[in-house]
Amino acid sequence: AEAIATALSSHSTHRYTPRTAQHHSAHRYAEAKATALYTQHSFPHSALSTLHSALREAMQVTEIQTTLETFFGDTARLLAPGSWQVETPDFRLLVLLSDDRSWLRLLIPILPAQEALPFLEQWLEENFDATQETRYALNQNVLWGVYQHSTASLAPEDFQSAIARLLELRQNGLSNAFDIYVDRRIRSIILAAKQQGQSLESTLQTLNRFYEEGVMGELSQTGESRDRILAAWQRRLESLWSEVEG
């Protein structure tokens, strides 16, 4: 115990021994020289911020250009600073940075709006349930696939994933929305048929009549197109028949 007390006493005495005036003066002089040296070789804060922003922007542009060239080769080209286009026989992809470089937007045209509008409800449900980081959007009489992201937090993996998702939306075209639309129409037909005591066979005949009268298809369709679409509706009716309770 005495040894511990002695050690603590010794440490305390060593730590808090008053310094001489000469010691304080030398210490202040060293601090002043260090501050002057730092100030002489430092950039102003605003200049550092500008430099960091420029470096970050250059890295973003380089990463975007590299990713597009990796995915699409020579079909990717720079339209203007901060704007790229990928054009192939199958699709056109636009990559746009905002004027202040804070946001990135990817756009891919899918369908004319006139063809998309009958399925607007289905497109909105797809946005809610299935499109993940991408969205369907209408602009300039076109249905687009759209992706937007802040460049400050954008990772190369996010950018690559967004491209893949937009290409998938473009490839799906009307198919997903049309499938949802067909399922709902078929379920309503089955429900009405069962409530009226109709059989599957008689309901199929009703479906055929609807098509002949243009209720569930365009009268201008060719015979081959009509037969193909009608066959698809018939298959779906048969597969859903047991799922719908009358």
Protein backbone atom coordinates (compact mmCIF):
# COMPACT_ATOMS: atom_id res chain seq x y z
CA ALA A 1 0.00 0.00 0.00
CA GLU A 2 2.83 2.36 0.85
CA ALA A 3 4.52 1.58 -2.47
CA ILE A 4 1.31 2.32 -4.38
CA ALA A 5 0.79 5.55 -2.48
CA THR A 6 4.39 6.54 -3.17
CA ALA A 7 4.02 5.80 -6.91
CA LEU A 8 0.79 7.81 -7.16
CA SER A 9 2.34 10.65 -5.24
CA SER A 10 5.39 10.59 -7.50
CA HIS A 11 3.25 10.53 -10.70
CA SER A 12 1.04 13.37 -9.47
CA THR A 13 4.03 15.48 -8.51
CA HIS A 14 5.69 14.86 -11.89
CA ARG A 15 2.51 15.71 -13.86
CA TYR A 16 1.55 18.89 -12.08
CA THR A 17 4.95 20.45 -11.36
CA PRO A 18 4.58 24.17 -12.24
CA ARG A 19 6.41 25.22 -15.39
CA THR A 20 8.73 28.16 -15.48
CA ALA A 21 7.90 31.33 -17.42
CA GLN A 22 10.70 30.45 -19.85
CA HIS A 23 9.10 27.03 -20.51
CA HIS A 24 5.69 28.63 -21.29
CA SER A 25 7.26 31.14 -23.62
CA ALA A 26 9.06 28.42 -25.62
CA HIS A 27 5.84 26.39 -25.85
CA ARG A 28 3.84 29.35 -27.19
CA TYR A 29 6.55 30.11 -29.73
CA ALA A 30 6.46 26.52 -31.06
CA GLU A 31 2.66 26.62 -31.39
CA ALA A 32 2.80 29.93 -33.28
CA LYS A 33 5.42 28.58 -35.72
CA ALA A 34 3.36 25.42 -36.36
CA THR A 35 0.22 27.49 -37.04
CA ALA A 36 2.06 29.78 -39.44
CA LEU A 37 3.58 26.82 -41.28
CA TYR A 38 0.16 25.12 -41.68
CA THR A 39 -1.46 28.35 -42.92
CA GLN A 40 1.33 28.97 -45.42
CA HIS A 41 0.93 25.56 -47.07
CA SER A 42 -2.86 25.13 -46.81
CA PHE A 43 -5.63 25.88 -49.35
CA PRO A 44 -8.62 28.02 -48.39
CA HIS A 45 -11.66 25.94 -47.42
CA SER A 46 -13.63 27.06 -50.48
CA ALA A 47 -10.78 26.07 -52.80
CA LEU A 48 -10.58 22.63 -51.20
CA SER A 49 -14.33 22.12 -51.61
CA THR A 50 -14.14 23.09 -55.27
CA LEU A 51 -11.21 20.76 -55.83
CA HIS A 52 -12.98 17.84 -54.13
CA SER A 53 -16.15 18.46 -56.16
CA ALA A 54 -14.20 18.55 -59.41
CA LEU A 55 -12.39 15.32 -58.58
CA ARG A 56 -15.64 13.60 -57.59
CA GLU A 57 -17.35 14.76 -60.80
CA ALA A 58 -14.43 13.56 -62.92
CA MET A 59 -14.58 10.15 -61.25
CA GLN A 60 -18.32 9.90 -61.85
CA VAL A 61 -18.03 10.77 -65.52
CA THR A 62 -15.17 8.33 -65.98
CA GLU A 63 -17.06 5.51 -64.23
CA ILE A 64 -20.21 6.14 -66.27
CA GLN A 65 -18.26 6.18 -69.53
CA THR A 66 -16.35 3.01 -68.60
CA THR A 67 -19.51 1.14 -67.58
CA LEU A 68 -21.34 2.07 -70.78
CA GLU A 69 -18.40 1.03 -72.94
CA THR A 70 -18.13 -2.25 -71.03
CA PHE A 71 -21.83 -3.03 -71.52
CA PHE A 72 -22.37 -1.68 -75.03
CA GLY A 73 -19.02 -1.08 -76.74
CA ASP A 74 -19.03 1.37 -79.63
CA THR A 75 -22.82 1.84 -79.51
CA ALA A 76 -22.33 4.07 -76.43
CA ARG A 77 -21.42 7.64 -77.32
CA LEU A 78 -21.17 10.99 -75.60
CA LEU A 79 -23.82 13.44 -76.87
CA ALA A 80 -22.69 16.41 -74.76
CA PRO A 81 -20.93 16.86 -71.41
CA GLY A 82 -22.96 14.80 -68.96
CA SER A 83 -25.16 13.15 -71.63
CA TRP A 84 -24.74 9.74 -73.25
CA GLN A 85 -26.79 7.64 -75.65
CA VAL A 86 -26.72 3.94 -76.43
CA GLU A 87 -28.53 3.13 -79.67
CA THR A 88 -28.95 -0.38 -81.06
CA PRO A 89 -31.49 -1.95 -83.44
CA ASP A 90 -33.46 -3.14 -80.38
CA PHE A 91 -33.44 -0.16 -77.99
CA ARG A 92 -32.24 3.35 -77.21
CA LEU A 93 -30.89 4.21 -73.76
CA LEU A 94 -30.25 7.76 -72.53
CA VAL A 95 -27.95 8.56 -69.58
CA LEU A 96 -28.21 12.13 -68.29
CA LEU A 97 -26.52 14.05 -65.49
CA SER A 98 -28.29 17.09 -64.06
CA ASP A 99 -26.74 20.51 -64.69
CA ASP A 100 -25.21 20.59 -61.22
CA ARG A 101 -24.13 16.91 -61.52
CA SER A 102 -26.04 16.01 -58.36
CA TRP A 103 -28.52 13.59 -60.01
CA LEU A 104 -28.24 10.84 -62.59
CA ARG A 105 -31.17 9.80 -64.79
CA LEU A 106 -31.45 6.79 -67.12
CA LEU A 107 -34.28 6.65 -69.68
CA ILE A 108 -35.39 3.96 -72.10
CA PRO A 109 -38.45 4.30 -74.38
CA ILE A 110 -40.79 1.29 -74.24
CA LEU A 111 -44.05 2.01 -76.07
CA PRO A 112 -46.06 4.83 -77.62
CA ALA A 113 -48.38 6.25 -74.97
CA GLN A 114 -51.43 5.38 -77.07
CA GLU A 115 -50.63 1.68 -76.75
CA ALA A 116 -49.76 1.97 -73.06
CA LEU A 117 -52.72 3.99 -71.77
CA PRO A 118 -55.27 1.10 -71.77
CA PHE A 119 -53.00 -0.60 -69.21
CA LEU A 120 -52.22 2.48 -67.10
CA GLU A 121 -53.58 0.90 -63.93
CA GLN A 122 -51.36 -2.15 -64.47
CA TRP A 123 -48.27 0.04 -65.05
CA LEU A 124 -48.88 1.86 -61.76
CA GLU A 125 -49.28 -1.42 -59.91
CA GLU A 126 -46.03 -2.64 -61.45
CA ASN A 127 -44.34 0.50 -60.11
CA PHE A 128 -45.63 -0.32 -56.63
CA ASP A 129 -44.90 -4.06 -56.62
CA ALA A 130 -42.32 -5.14 -59.14
CA THR A 131 -40.06 -2.53 -60.75
CA GLN A 132 -37.71 -2.15 -57.75
CA GLU A 133 -35.42 0.87 -58.28
CA THR A 134 -36.84 1.65 -61.74
CA ARG A 135 -40.22 3.12 -62.71
CA TYR A 136 -42.63 3.35 -65.62
CA ALA A 137 -43.40 6.97 -66.58
CA LEU A 138 -45.28 8.82 -69.32
CA ASN A 139 -43.76 11.83 -71.07
CA GLN A 140 -43.93 13.28 -74.59
CA ASN A 141 -46.46 10.64 -75.68
CA VAL A 142 -44.08 7.81 -74.78
CA LEU A 143 -44.04 5.21 -72.00
CA TRP A 144 -40.51 5.24 -70.55
CA GLY A 145 -38.52 3.12 -68.17
CA VAL A 146 -36.84 5.55 -65.75
CA TYR A 147 -34.13 5.34 -63.10
CA GLN A 148 -32.99 8.28 -60.94
CA HIS A 149 -30.33 8.38 -58.25
CA SER A 150 -28.26 10.92 -56.35
CA THR A 151 -24.71 10.88 -57.69
CA ALA A 152 -23.28 11.46 -54.21
CA SER A 153 -24.27 7.96 -53.10
CA LEU A 154 -24.29 6.19 -56.47
CA ALA A 155 -22.12 3.06 -56.59
CA PRO A 156 -20.99 1.41 -59.84
CA GLU A 157 -23.00 -1.67 -58.86
CA ASP A 158 -26.17 0.45 -58.59
CA PHE A 159 -25.57 1.90 -62.05
CA GLN A 160 -25.02 -1.52 -63.61
CA SER A 161 -28.09 -2.97 -61.90
CA ALA A 162 -30.24 -0.06 -63.12
CA ILE A 163 -29.16 -0.65 -66.72
CA ALA A 164 -30.06 -4.33 -66.47
CA ARG A 165 -33.46 -3.55 -64.93
CA LEU A 166 -34.32 -0.99 -67.61
CA LEU A 167 -33.41 -3.41 -70.38
CA GLU A 168 -35.67 -5.97 -68.72
CA LEU A 169 -38.56 -3.48 -68.64
CA ARG A 170 -37.98 -2.75 -72.32
CA GLN A 171 -37.87 -6.46 -73.20
CA ASN A 172 -41.06 -7.20 -71.28
CA GLY A 173 -42.89 -4.44 -73.12
CA LEU A 174 -46.62 -4.94 -72.77
CA SER A 175 -46.41 -8.55 -71.64
CA ASN A 176 -46.53 -8.05 -67.84
CA ALA A 177 -49.27 -5.42 -67.93
CA PHE A 178 -51.23 -7.43 -70.47
CA ASP A 179 -50.99 -10.59 -68.37
CA ILE A 180 -52.37 -8.76 -65.32
CA TYR A 181 -55.14 -7.27 -67.45
CA VAL A 182 -56.06 -10.66 -68.94
CA ASP A 183 -56.11 -12.37 -65.55
CA ARG A 184 -58.55 -9.83 -64.16
CA ARG A 185 -60.86 -10.02 -67.16
CA ILE A 186 -60.80 -13.81 -67.14
CA ARG A 187 -61.49 -14.00 -63.39
CA SER A 188 -64.48 -11.69 -63.75
CA ILE A 189 -65.81 -13.83 -66.63
CA ILE A 190 -65.38 -17.02 -64.61
CA LEU A 191 -67.09 -15.50 -61.56
CA ALA A 192 -70.08 -14.34 -63.62
CA ALA A 193 -70.31 -17.71 -65.39
CA LYS A 194 -70.26 -19.71 -62.15
CA GLN A 195 -72.85 -17.45 -60.57
CA GLN A 196 -75.09 -18.21 -63.56
CA GLY A 197 -74.40 -21.93 -63.30
CA GLN A 198 -72.46 -22.19 -66.55
CA SER A 199 -69.90 -24.92 -67.18
CA LEU A 200 -66.33 -24.45 -68.36
CA GLU A 201 -67.32 -25.53 -71.88
CA SER A 202 -70.18 -23.04 -72.14
CA THR A 203 -67.95 -20.27 -70.77
CA LEU A 204 -65.36 -21.01 -73.46
CA GLN A 205 -68.13 -20.64 -76.04
CA THR A 206 -69.07 -17.29 -74.49
CA LEU A 207 -65.44 -16.22 -74.74
CA ASN A 208 -65.43 -17.14 -78.44
CA ARG A 209 -68.57 -15.08 -78.99
CA PHE A 210 -67.07 -12.08 -77.22
CA TYR A 211 -64.12 -12.22 -79.59
CA GLU A 212 -66.30 -12.51 -82.65
CA GLU A 213 -68.26 -9.44 -81.53
CA GLY A 214 -65.11 -7.45 -80.72
CA VAL A 215 -65.83 -7.26 -77.00
CA MET A 216 -62.45 -8.78 -76.06
CA GLY A 217 -60.38 -8.04 -79.11
CA GLU A 218 -60.01 -5.79 -82.12
CA LEU A 219 -62.27 -6.58 -85.06
CA SER A 220 -59.45 -5.43 -87.34
CA GLN A 221 -57.15 -8.25 -86.19
CA THR A 222 -56.12 -10.76 -88.80
CA GLY A 223 -57.45 -14.29 -88.51
CA GLU A 224 -54.08 -15.67 -87.46
CA SER A 225 -53.56 -12.99 -84.81
CA ARG A 226 -57.10 -13.41 -83.52
CA ASP A 227 -56.75 -17.19 -83.24
CA ARG A 228 -53.44 -16.89 -81.39
CA ILE A 229 -54.74 -14.37 -78.84
CA LEU A 230 -58.02 -16.22 -78.37
CA ALA A 231 -56.12 -19.44 -77.72
CA ALA A 232 -54.08 -17.67 -75.04
CA TRP A 233 -57.26 -16.40 -73.34
CA GLN A 234 -58.79 -19.88 -73.50
CA ARG A 235 -55.74 -21.47 -71.88
CA ARG A 236 -55.79 -18.88 -69.13
CA LEU A 237 -59.52 -19.41 -68.54
CA GLU A 238 -59.00 -23.16 -68.19
CA SER A 239 -56.08 -22.71 -65.77
CA LEU A 240 -57.96 -20.22 -63.57
CA TRP A 241 -61.33 -21.98 -63.60
CA SER A 242 -60.77 -23.98 -60.41
CA GLU A 243 -59.26 -21.01 -58.54
CA VAL A 244 -62.31 -18.76 -58.77
CA GLU A 245 -65.18 -19.52 -56.43
CA GLY A 246 -68.66 -18.68 -57.70
